[in-house]
């Protein structure tokens, strides 16, 4: 299956970094978070990618155009033959199609714009700023055994603040505790599978995938959900980036399924 990654937004919530590059190109460790997402899918055998670009999309195009330069040790010999020697040929089994889906196009519109590259096969769709250790094989199995047009993965995010249990009079704290995941509702974690019929639920560039397309599918009983109880983290803020950096640097990144 093709993996479609939404990578065209402005990344305003982490603007201190995204004013220089699109958010999917912000690094975790020594590589963009986009690279981590692609490596994760690749570890399950999915190597055909479509990147939906918008804001500063040329940065993504240049990254893949110069992939060898970014991921290899290279000698530039100007003394004799003006030659370039690549010492470790870092080759990924990837086919990467980078598509300009418009600067102001909404998420649903970006998906609509890559319809011609999809054909009549189901495809993955995810966001270019979230990492997880979701079992893609189980996600595929659940989707294939359903009649849903879209199956999305869902997680319960852990709250950042402690919770006060207050008595009935509202005057005393019974217990102070850290907010658990079960205190939160389920949210869309991305990592979706879509049938090509989804394109009929998208009108134009102004269609928002989450509030329009997925809502229409749920009203028609065609939106499935795969509950994920493991790791998931988006990179919305500098704090999120720092947490992902710590996991990667300390060798505890749950999404690292490759050697």
C-alpha atoms as a PDB file:
ATOM      1  CA  UNK A   1       0.000   0.000   0.000  1.00  0.00           C
ATOM      2  CA  UNK A   2       1.041   3.578  -0.635  1.00  0.00           C
ATOM      3  CA  UNK A   3       1.707   5.712   2.438  1.00  0.00           C
ATOM      4  CA  UNK A   4       0.403   9.284   2.136  1.00  0.00           C
ATOM      5  CA  UNK A   5       1.861  11.801   4.587  1.00  0.00           C
ATOM      6  CA  UNK A   6       0.335  15.230   5.158  1.00  0.00           C
ATOM      7  CA  UNK A   7       3.236  17.681   5.340  1.00  0.00           C
ATOM      8  CA  UNK A   8       1.865  20.992   4.093  1.00  0.00           C
ATOM      9  CA  UNK A   9       0.721  22.902   7.168  1.00  0.00           C
ATOM     10  CA  UNK A  10       2.267  26.050   8.618  1.00  0.00           C
ATOM     11  CA  UNK A  11       3.153  24.515  12.000  1.00  0.00           C
ATOM     12  CA  UNK A  12       2.119  27.663  13.855  1.00  0.00           C
ATOM     13  CA  UNK A  13       2.227  26.058  17.314  1.00  0.00           C
ATOM     14  CA  UNK A  14       5.956  25.484  16.963  1.00  0.00           C
ATOM     15  CA  UNK A  15       6.607  28.615  14.920  1.00  0.00           C
ATOM     16  CA  UNK A  16       9.947  29.310  16.606  1.00  0.00           C
ATOM     17  CA  UNK A  17      11.279  26.451  14.430  1.00  0.00           C
ATOM     18  CA  UNK A  18       8.751  26.171  11.606  1.00  0.00           C
ATOM     19  CA  UNK A  19       9.422  29.700  10.350  1.00  0.00           C
ATOM     20  CA  UNK A  20      12.570  28.205   8.812  1.00  0.00           C
ATOM     21  CA  UNK A  21      11.204  24.885   7.537  1.00  0.00           C
ATOM     22  CA  UNK A  22       7.972  22.879   7.400  1.00  0.00           C
ATOM     23  CA  UNK A  23       7.226  21.123  10.685  1.00  0.00           C
ATOM     24  CA  UNK A  24       7.810  17.590   9.286  1.00  0.00           C
ATOM     25  CA  UNK A  25      11.396  18.660   8.571  1.00  0.00           C
ATOM     26  CA  UNK A  26      12.137  19.626  12.185  1.00  0.00           C
ATOM     27  CA  UNK A  27      14.726  17.186  13.478  1.00  0.00           C
ATOM     28  CA  UNK A  28      14.430  14.536  16.128  1.00  0.00           C
ATOM     29  CA  UNK A  29      18.027  13.560  16.718  1.00  0.00           C
ATOM     30  CA  UNK A  30      19.899  13.923  13.452  1.00  0.00           C
ATOM     31  CA  UNK A  31      16.954  13.454  11.083  1.00  0.00           C
ATOM     32  CA  UNK A  32      13.604  15.125  10.345  1.00  0.00           C
ATOM     33  CA  UNK A  33      10.559  13.680  12.079  1.00  0.00           C
ATOM     34  CA  UNK A  34       9.308  12.899   8.563  1.00  0.00           C
ATOM     35  CA  UNK A  35      12.254  10.507   8.158  1.00  0.00           C
ATOM     36  CA  UNK A  36      11.355   8.745  11.421  1.00  0.00           C
ATOM     37  CA  UNK A  37       7.765   8.262  10.237  1.00  0.00           C
ATOM     38  CA  UNK A  38       8.926   6.851   6.910  1.00  0.00           C
ATOM     39  CA  UNK A  39      11.436   4.527   8.579  1.00  0.00           C
ATOM     40  CA  UNK A  40       8.637   3.224  10.797  1.00  0.00           C
ATOM     41  CA  UNK A  41       6.372   2.368   7.866  1.00  0.00           C
ATOM     42  CA  UNK A  42       9.335   0.915   6.010  1.00  0.00           C
ATOM     43  CA  UNK A  43      10.046  -1.436   8.919  1.00  0.00           C
ATOM     44  CA  UNK A  44       6.649  -3.021   8.171  1.00  0.00           C
ATOM     45  CA  UNK A  45       7.476  -3.314   4.471  1.00  0.00           C
ATOM     46  CA  UNK A  46       5.687  -0.203   3.195  1.00  0.00           C
ATOM     47  CA  UNK A  47       8.132   1.732   1.020  1.00  0.00           C
ATOM     48  CA  UNK A  48       6.004   3.705  -1.458  1.00  0.00           C
ATOM     49  CA  UNK A  49       5.383   7.240  -0.163  1.00  0.00           C
ATOM     50  CA  UNK A  50       3.484  10.305  -1.299  1.00  0.00           C
ATOM     51  CA  UNK A  51       4.346  13.490   0.572  1.00  0.00           C
ATOM     52  CA  UNK A  52       1.658  16.197   0.431  1.00  0.00           C
ATOM     53  CA  UNK A  53       3.561  19.476   0.555  1.00  0.00           C
ATOM     54  CA  UNK A  54       2.488  23.080   0.928  1.00  0.00           C
ATOM     55  CA  UNK A  55       4.328  25.524   3.166  1.00  0.00           C
ATOM     56  CA  UNK A  56       8.041  25.562   2.247  1.00  0.00           C
ATOM     57  CA  UNK A  57       7.630  22.327   0.312  1.00  0.00           C
ATOM     58  CA  UNK A  58      10.873  22.971  -1.541  1.00  0.00           C
ATOM     59  CA  UNK A  59      12.737  22.085   1.666  1.00  0.00           C
ATOM     60  CA  UNK A  60      11.284  18.570   1.508  1.00  0.00           C
ATOM     61  CA  UNK A  61      12.082  18.244  -2.191  1.00  0.00           C
ATOM     62  CA  UNK A  62      15.668  19.340  -1.642  1.00  0.00           C
ATOM     63  CA  UNK A  63      16.092  16.920   1.260  1.00  0.00           C
ATOM     64  CA  UNK A  64      15.234  13.912  -0.876  1.00  0.00           C
ATOM     65  CA  UNK A  65      17.112  15.255  -3.899  1.00  0.00           C
ATOM     66  CA  UNK A  66      20.255  15.363  -1.724  1.00  0.00           C
ATOM     67  CA  UNK A  67      19.478  12.313   0.395  1.00  0.00           C
ATOM     68  CA  UNK A  68      22.934  10.789  -0.124  1.00  0.00           C
ATOM     69  CA  UNK A  69      24.539  14.015   1.057  1.00  0.00           C
ATOM     70  CA  UNK A  70      22.403  14.045   4.185  1.00  0.00           C
ATOM     71  CA  UNK A  71      22.846  10.384   5.160  1.00  0.00           C
ATOM     72  CA  UNK A  72      26.325   9.379   3.898  1.00  0.00           C
ATOM     73  CA  UNK A  73      30.012  10.049   4.547  1.00  0.00           C
ATOM     74  CA  UNK A  74      31.394  11.782   1.464  1.00  0.00           C
ATOM     75  CA  UNK A  75      34.827  12.924   0.273  1.00  0.00           C
ATOM     76  CA  UNK A  76      35.000  15.933  -2.031  1.00  0.00           C
ATOM     77  CA  UNK A  77      38.396  15.796  -3.788  1.00  0.00           C
ATOM     78  CA  UNK A  78      39.182  19.122  -5.442  1.00  0.00           C
ATOM     79  CA  UNK A  79      42.937  18.534  -5.732  1.00  0.00           C
ATOM     80  CA  UNK A  80      43.011  16.365  -8.846  1.00  0.00           C
ATOM     81  CA  UNK A  81      39.840  15.210 -10.522  1.00  0.00           C
ATOM     82  CA  UNK A  82      37.250  17.280  -8.693  1.00  0.00           C
ATOM     83  CA  UNK A  83      35.613  14.011  -7.698  1.00  0.00           C
ATOM     84  CA  UNK A  84      33.025  12.951  -5.140  1.00  0.00           C
ATOM     85  CA  UNK A  85      33.388   9.649  -3.291  1.00  0.00           C
ATOM     86  CA  UNK A  86      30.452   8.243  -1.292  1.00  0.00           C
ATOM     87  CA  UNK A  87      31.923   5.995   1.397  1.00  0.00           C
ATOM     88  CA  UNK A  88      28.784   4.421   2.799  1.00  0.00           C
ATOM     89  CA  UNK A  89      25.978   4.183   0.295  1.00  0.00           C
ATOM     90  CA  UNK A  90      22.878   4.753   2.420  1.00  0.00           C
ATOM     91  CA  UNK A  91      20.111   3.429   0.205  1.00  0.00           C
ATOM     92  CA  UNK A  92      16.515   3.161   1.371  1.00  0.00           C
ATOM     93  CA  UNK A  93      14.078   0.904  -0.488  1.00  0.00           C
ATOM     94  CA  UNK A  94      11.838   3.905  -0.954  1.00  0.00           C
ATOM     95  CA  UNK A  95       9.884   5.434  -3.788  1.00  0.00           C
ATOM     96  CA  UNK A  96       9.048   8.999  -2.760  1.00  0.00           C
ATOM     97  CA  UNK A  97       6.602  11.204  -4.676  1.00  0.00           C
ATOM     98  CA  UNK A  98       6.585  14.794  -3.439  1.00  0.00           C
ATOM     99  CA  UNK A  99       3.435  16.654  -4.488  1.00  0.00           C
ATOM    100  CA  UNK A 100       2.742  20.370  -4.159  1.00  0.00           C
ATOM    101  CA  UNK A 101      -0.817  20.337  -2.812  1.00  0.00           C
ATOM    102  CA  UNK A 102      -1.120  24.094  -2.367  1.00  0.00           C
ATOM    103  CA  UNK A 103      -0.121  26.619   0.248  1.00  0.00           C
ATOM    104  CA  UNK A 104      -3.562  27.176   1.784  1.00  0.00           C
ATOM    105  CA  UNK A 105      -5.229  23.861   0.941  1.00  0.00           C
ATOM    106  CA  UNK A 106      -7.030  22.162   3.826  1.00  0.00           C
ATOM    107  CA  UNK A 107      -6.216  18.594   4.906  1.00  0.00           C
ATOM    108  CA  UNK A 108      -9.037  16.990   2.948  1.00  0.00           C
ATOM    109  CA  UNK A 109      -8.166  19.024  -0.124  1.00  0.00           C
ATOM    110  CA  UNK A 110      -4.575  17.796   0.054  1.00  0.00           C
ATOM    111  CA  UNK A 111      -5.796  14.209  -0.005  1.00  0.00           C
ATOM    112  CA  UNK A 112      -8.064  14.972  -2.963  1.00  0.00           C
ATOM    113  CA  UNK A 113      -5.141  16.418  -4.913  1.00  0.00           C
ATOM    114  CA  UNK A 114      -3.153  13.161  -4.808  1.00  0.00           C
ATOM    115  CA  UNK A 115      -6.055  11.012  -6.058  1.00  0.00           C
ATOM    116  CA  UNK A 116      -4.410  10.476  -9.451  1.00  0.00           C
ATOM    117  CA  UNK A 117      -1.399   8.869  -7.777  1.00  0.00           C
ATOM    118  CA  UNK A 118      -3.486   6.382  -5.765  1.00  0.00           C
ATOM    119  CA  UNK A 119      -5.520   4.481  -8.317  1.00  0.00           C
ATOM    120  CA  UNK A 120      -8.093   2.009  -7.012  1.00  0.00           C
ATOM    121  CA  UNK A 121      -6.142   0.611  -4.078  1.00  0.00           C
ATOM    122  CA  UNK A 122      -6.450   1.342  -0.350  1.00  0.00           C
ATOM    123  CA  UNK A 123      -3.744   3.542   1.118  1.00  0.00           C
ATOM    124  CA  UNK A 124      -2.320   4.686   4.434  1.00  0.00           C
ATOM    125  CA  UNK A 125      -2.686   8.292   5.517  1.00  0.00           C
ATOM    126  CA  UNK A 126      -0.947   9.943   8.437  1.00  0.00           C
ATOM    127  CA  UNK A 127       0.286  13.299   9.628  1.00  0.00           C
ATOM    128  CA  UNK A 128       3.877  14.424   9.267  1.00  0.00           C
ATOM    129  CA  UNK A 129       4.338  15.288  12.932  1.00  0.00           C
ATOM    130  CA  UNK A 130       3.365  12.207  14.952  1.00  0.00           C
ATOM    131  CA  UNK A 131       5.295   9.118  16.067  1.00  0.00           C
ATOM    132  CA  UNK A 132       3.910   5.867  17.435  1.00  0.00           C
ATOM    133  CA  UNK A 133       4.548   2.156  17.846  1.00  0.00           C
ATOM    134  CA  UNK A 134       1.134   1.211  16.507  1.00  0.00           C
ATOM    135  CA  UNK A 135       0.891  -2.315  15.103  1.00  0.00           C
ATOM    136  CA  UNK A 136       0.348  -1.581  11.414  1.00  0.00           C
ATOM    137  CA  UNK A 137      -0.257  -5.255  10.646  1.00  0.00           C
ATOM    138  CA  UNK A 138      -3.123  -5.389  13.126  1.00  0.00           C
ATOM    139  CA  UNK A 139      -4.496  -2.085  11.812  1.00  0.00           C
ATOM    140  CA  UNK A 140      -4.545  -3.521   8.287  1.00  0.00           C
ATOM    141  CA  UNK A 141      -6.130  -6.763   9.470  1.00  0.00           C
ATOM    142  CA  UNK A 142      -8.938  -4.955  11.276  1.00  0.00           C
ATOM    143  CA  UNK A 143      -9.617  -2.681   8.317  1.00  0.00           C
ATOM    144  CA  UNK A 144      -9.720  -5.531   5.808  1.00  0.00           C
ATOM    145  CA  UNK A 145     -12.221  -7.485   7.899  1.00  0.00           C
ATOM    146  CA  UNK A 146     -14.600  -4.503   8.043  1.00  0.00           C
ATOM    147  CA  UNK A 147     -16.767  -2.705   5.514  1.00  0.00           C
ATOM    148  CA  UNK A 148     -15.396   0.708   6.488  1.00  0.00           C
ATOM    149  CA  UNK A 149     -14.114   3.219   3.977  1.00  0.00           C
ATOM    150  CA  UNK A 150     -11.701   4.629   6.573  1.00  0.00           C
ATOM    151  CA  UNK A 151     -10.217   3.113   9.705  1.00  0.00           C
ATOM    152  CA  UNK A 152      -8.398   5.556  11.938  1.00  0.00           C
ATOM    153  CA  UNK A 153      -6.233   4.827  14.936  1.00  0.00           C
ATOM    154  CA  UNK A 154      -7.217   6.351  18.271  1.00  0.00           C
ATOM    155  CA  UNK A 155      -5.343   6.959  21.502  1.00  0.00           C
ATOM    156  CA  UNK A 156      -6.124   8.336  24.939  1.00  0.00           C
ATOM    157  CA  UNK A 157      -3.624  11.118  25.640  1.00  0.00           C
ATOM    158  CA  UNK A 158      -2.284  11.476  29.136  1.00  0.00           C
ATOM    159  CA  UNK A 159      -3.083  14.861  30.627  1.00  0.00           C
ATOM    160  CA  UNK A 160      -0.287  17.261  31.524  1.00  0.00           C
ATOM    161  CA  UNK A 161      -1.871  18.411  34.770  1.00  0.00           C
ATOM    162  CA  UNK A 162      -2.815  16.734  38.018  1.00  0.00           C
ATOM    163  CA  UNK A 163      -6.473  16.065  38.842  1.00  0.00           C
ATOM    164  CA  UNK A 164      -8.277  17.146  42.008  1.00  0.00           C
ATOM    165  CA  UNK A 165     -10.995  14.850  43.336  1.00  0.00           C
ATOM    166  CA  UNK A 166     -13.311  17.216  45.250  1.00  0.00           C
ATOM    167  CA  UNK A 167     -16.037  16.325  47.739  1.00  0.00           C
ATOM    168  CA  UNK A 168     -19.745  16.892  47.140  1.00  0.00           C
ATOM    169  CA  UNK A 169     -19.714  20.209  48.989  1.00  0.00           C
ATOM    170  CA  UNK A 170     -16.997  21.457  46.692  1.00  0.00           C
ATOM    171  CA  UNK A 171     -14.877  22.670  49.579  1.00  0.00           C
ATOM    172  CA  UNK A 172     -12.342  19.902  50.211  1.00  0.00           C
ATOM    173  CA  UNK A 173      -9.914  18.001  48.086  1.00  0.00           C
ATOM    174  CA  UNK A 174     -10.382  14.275  48.641  1.00  0.00           C
ATOM    175  CA  UNK A 175      -7.402  13.239  46.576  1.00  0.00           C
ATOM    176  CA  UNK A 176      -4.758  14.765  44.341  1.00  0.00           C
ATOM    177  CA  UNK A 177      -3.537  12.479  41.571  1.00  0.00           C
ATOM    178  CA  UNK A 178      -1.793  12.556  38.253  1.00  0.00           C
ATOM    179  CA  UNK A 179      -4.231  12.527  35.371  1.00  0.00           C
ATOM    180  CA  UNK A 180      -4.422   9.032  33.867  1.00  0.00           C
ATOM    181  CA  UNK A 181      -5.153   8.151  30.275  1.00  0.00           C
ATOM    182  CA  UNK A 182      -8.550   6.766  31.246  1.00  0.00           C
ATOM    183  CA  UNK A 183      -9.556  10.280  32.341  1.00  0.00           C
ATOM    184  CA  UNK A 184      -9.275  11.434  28.730  1.00  0.00           C
ATOM    185  CA  UNK A 185     -11.390  10.794  25.688  1.00  0.00           C
ATOM    186  CA  UNK A 186     -10.158   9.041  22.567  1.00  0.00           C
ATOM    187  CA  UNK A 187      -8.583  11.215  19.883  1.00  0.00           C
ATOM    188  CA  UNK A 188      -7.539  10.667  16.290  1.00  0.00           C
ATOM    189  CA  UNK A 189      -3.886   9.603  16.257  1.00  0.00           C
ATOM    190  CA  UNK A 190      -3.577   9.540  12.483  1.00  0.00           C
ATOM    191  CA  UNK A 191      -2.178   6.289  11.054  1.00  0.00           C
ATOM    192  CA  UNK A 192      -5.319   5.758   8.975  1.00  0.00           C
ATOM    193  CA  UNK A 193      -6.221   3.378   6.179  1.00  0.00           C
ATOM    194  CA  UNK A 194      -8.481   4.698   3.428  1.00  0.00           C
ATOM    195  CA  UNK A 195     -10.318   3.104   0.550  1.00  0.00           C
ATOM    196  CA  UNK A 196     -10.399   5.087  -2.712  1.00  0.00           C
ATOM    197  CA  UNK A 197     -14.110   5.728  -2.104  1.00  0.00           C
ATOM    198  CA  UNK A 198     -12.981   8.375   0.378  1.00  0.00           C
ATOM    199  CA  UNK A 199     -12.354  10.802  -2.485  1.00  0.00           C
ATOM    200  CA  UNK A 200     -16.127  11.099  -3.047  1.00  0.00           C
ATOM    201  CA  UNK A 201     -16.389  12.523   0.485  1.00  0.00           C
ATOM    202  CA  UNK A 202     -13.992  15.384  -0.322  1.00  0.00           C
ATOM    203  CA  UNK A 203     -15.390  18.346  -2.224  1.00  0.00           C
ATOM    204  CA  UNK A 204     -12.462  20.649  -2.949  1.00  0.00           C
ATOM    205  CA  UNK A 205      -9.380  22.379  -1.535  1.00  0.00           C
ATOM    206  CA  UNK A 206     -11.423  23.892   1.293  1.00  0.00           C
ATOM    207  CA  UNK A 207     -12.583  20.557   2.687  1.00  0.00           C
ATOM    208  CA  UNK A 208     -11.205  19.814   6.145  1.00  0.00           C
ATOM    209  CA  UNK A 209     -10.552  16.096   6.503  1.00  0.00           C
ATOM    210  CA  UNK A 210     -11.243  15.888  10.221  1.00  0.00           C
ATOM    211  CA  UNK A 211     -14.391  17.976  10.665  1.00  0.00           C
ATOM    212  CA  UNK A 212     -16.017  17.361   7.279  1.00  0.00           C
ATOM    213  CA  UNK A 213     -14.854  14.159   5.572  1.00  0.00           C
ATOM    214  CA  UNK A 214     -14.517  11.970   8.667  1.00  0.00           C
ATOM    215  CA  UNK A 215     -17.760  13.364  10.065  1.00  0.00           C
ATOM    216  CA  UNK A 216     -19.607  12.452   6.872  1.00  0.00           C
ATOM    217  CA  UNK A 217     -18.130   8.963   6.971  1.00  0.00           C
ATOM    218  CA  UNK A 218     -19.182   8.469  10.591  1.00  0.00           C
ATOM    219  CA  UNK A 219     -22.729   9.595   9.735  1.00  0.00           C
ATOM    220  CA  UNK A 220     -22.783   6.942   6.992  1.00  0.00           C
ATOM    221  CA  UNK A 221     -21.430   4.254   9.338  1.00  0.00           C
ATOM    222  CA  UNK A 222     -18.246   3.904   7.301  1.00  0.00           C
ATOM    223  CA  UNK A 223     -15.647   5.169   9.774  1.00  0.00           C
ATOM    224  CA  UNK A 224     -13.894   2.512  11.809  1.00  0.00           C
ATOM    225  CA  UNK A 225     -11.522   2.885  14.733  1.00  0.00           C
ATOM    226  CA  UNK A 226      -8.496   0.928  15.880  1.00  0.00           C
ATOM    227  CA  UNK A 227      -7.690   1.561  19.543  1.00  0.00           C
ATOM    228  CA  UNK A 228      -3.996   1.857  20.263  1.00  0.00           C
ATOM    229  CA  UNK A 229      -2.854   1.517  23.870  1.00  0.00           C
ATOM    230  CA  UNK A 230       0.864   1.946  23.274  1.00  0.00           C
ATOM    231  CA  UNK A 231       3.109   4.900  22.552  1.00  0.00           C
ATOM    232  CA  UNK A 232       2.011   7.932  20.562  1.00  0.00           C
ATOM    233  CA  UNK A 233       3.310  11.469  20.570  1.00  0.00           C
ATOM    234  CA  UNK A 234       2.844  14.409  18.237  1.00  0.00           C
ATOM    235  CA  UNK A 235       5.332  17.258  17.945  1.00  0.00           C
ATOM    236  CA  UNK A 236       3.248  20.384  18.420  1.00  0.00           C
ATOM    237  CA  UNK A 237       5.540  22.313  20.752  1.00  0.00           C
ATOM    238  CA  UNK A 238       9.170  22.664  21.801  1.00  0.00           C
ATOM    239  CA  UNK A 239       8.296  20.593  24.866  1.00  0.00           C
ATOM    240  CA  UNK A 240       7.063  17.748  22.642  1.00  0.00           C
ATOM    241  CA  UNK A 241      10.209  17.959  20.557  1.00  0.00           C
ATOM    242  CA  UNK A 242      12.363  17.825  23.678  1.00  0.00           C
ATOM    243  CA  UNK A 243      10.587  14.700  24.920  1.00  0.00           C
ATOM    244  CA  UNK A 244      11.050  12.926  21.588  1.00  0.00           C
ATOM    245  CA  UNK A 245      14.692  14.021  21.493  1.00  0.00           C
ATOM    246  CA  UNK A 246      15.290  12.533  24.957  1.00  0.00           C
ATOM    247  CA  UNK A 247      13.751   9.206  23.974  1.00  0.00           C
ATOM    248  CA  UNK A 248      15.839   9.047  20.810  1.00  0.00           C
ATOM    249  CA  UNK A 249      19.097  10.139  22.429  1.00  0.00           C
ATOM    250  CA  UNK A 250      18.748   7.656  25.310  1.00  0.00           C
ATOM    251  CA  UNK A 251      17.942   4.716  23.041  1.00  0.00           C
ATOM    252  CA  UNK A 252      14.362   4.364  24.302  1.00  0.00           C
ATOM    253  CA  UNK A 253      12.431   5.483  21.221  1.00  0.00           C
ATOM    254  CA  UNK A 254       9.398   3.131  21.019  1.00  0.00           C
ATOM    255  CA  UNK A 255       8.932   3.856  17.314  1.00  0.00           C
ATOM    256  CA  UNK A 256      12.430   2.652  16.365  1.00  0.00           C
ATOM    257  CA  UNK A 257      11.572  -0.742  14.875  1.00  0.00           C
ATOM    258  CA  UNK A 258      14.563  -0.852  12.536  1.00  0.00           C
ATOM    259  CA  UNK A 259      18.217  -1.681  13.176  1.00  0.00           C
END
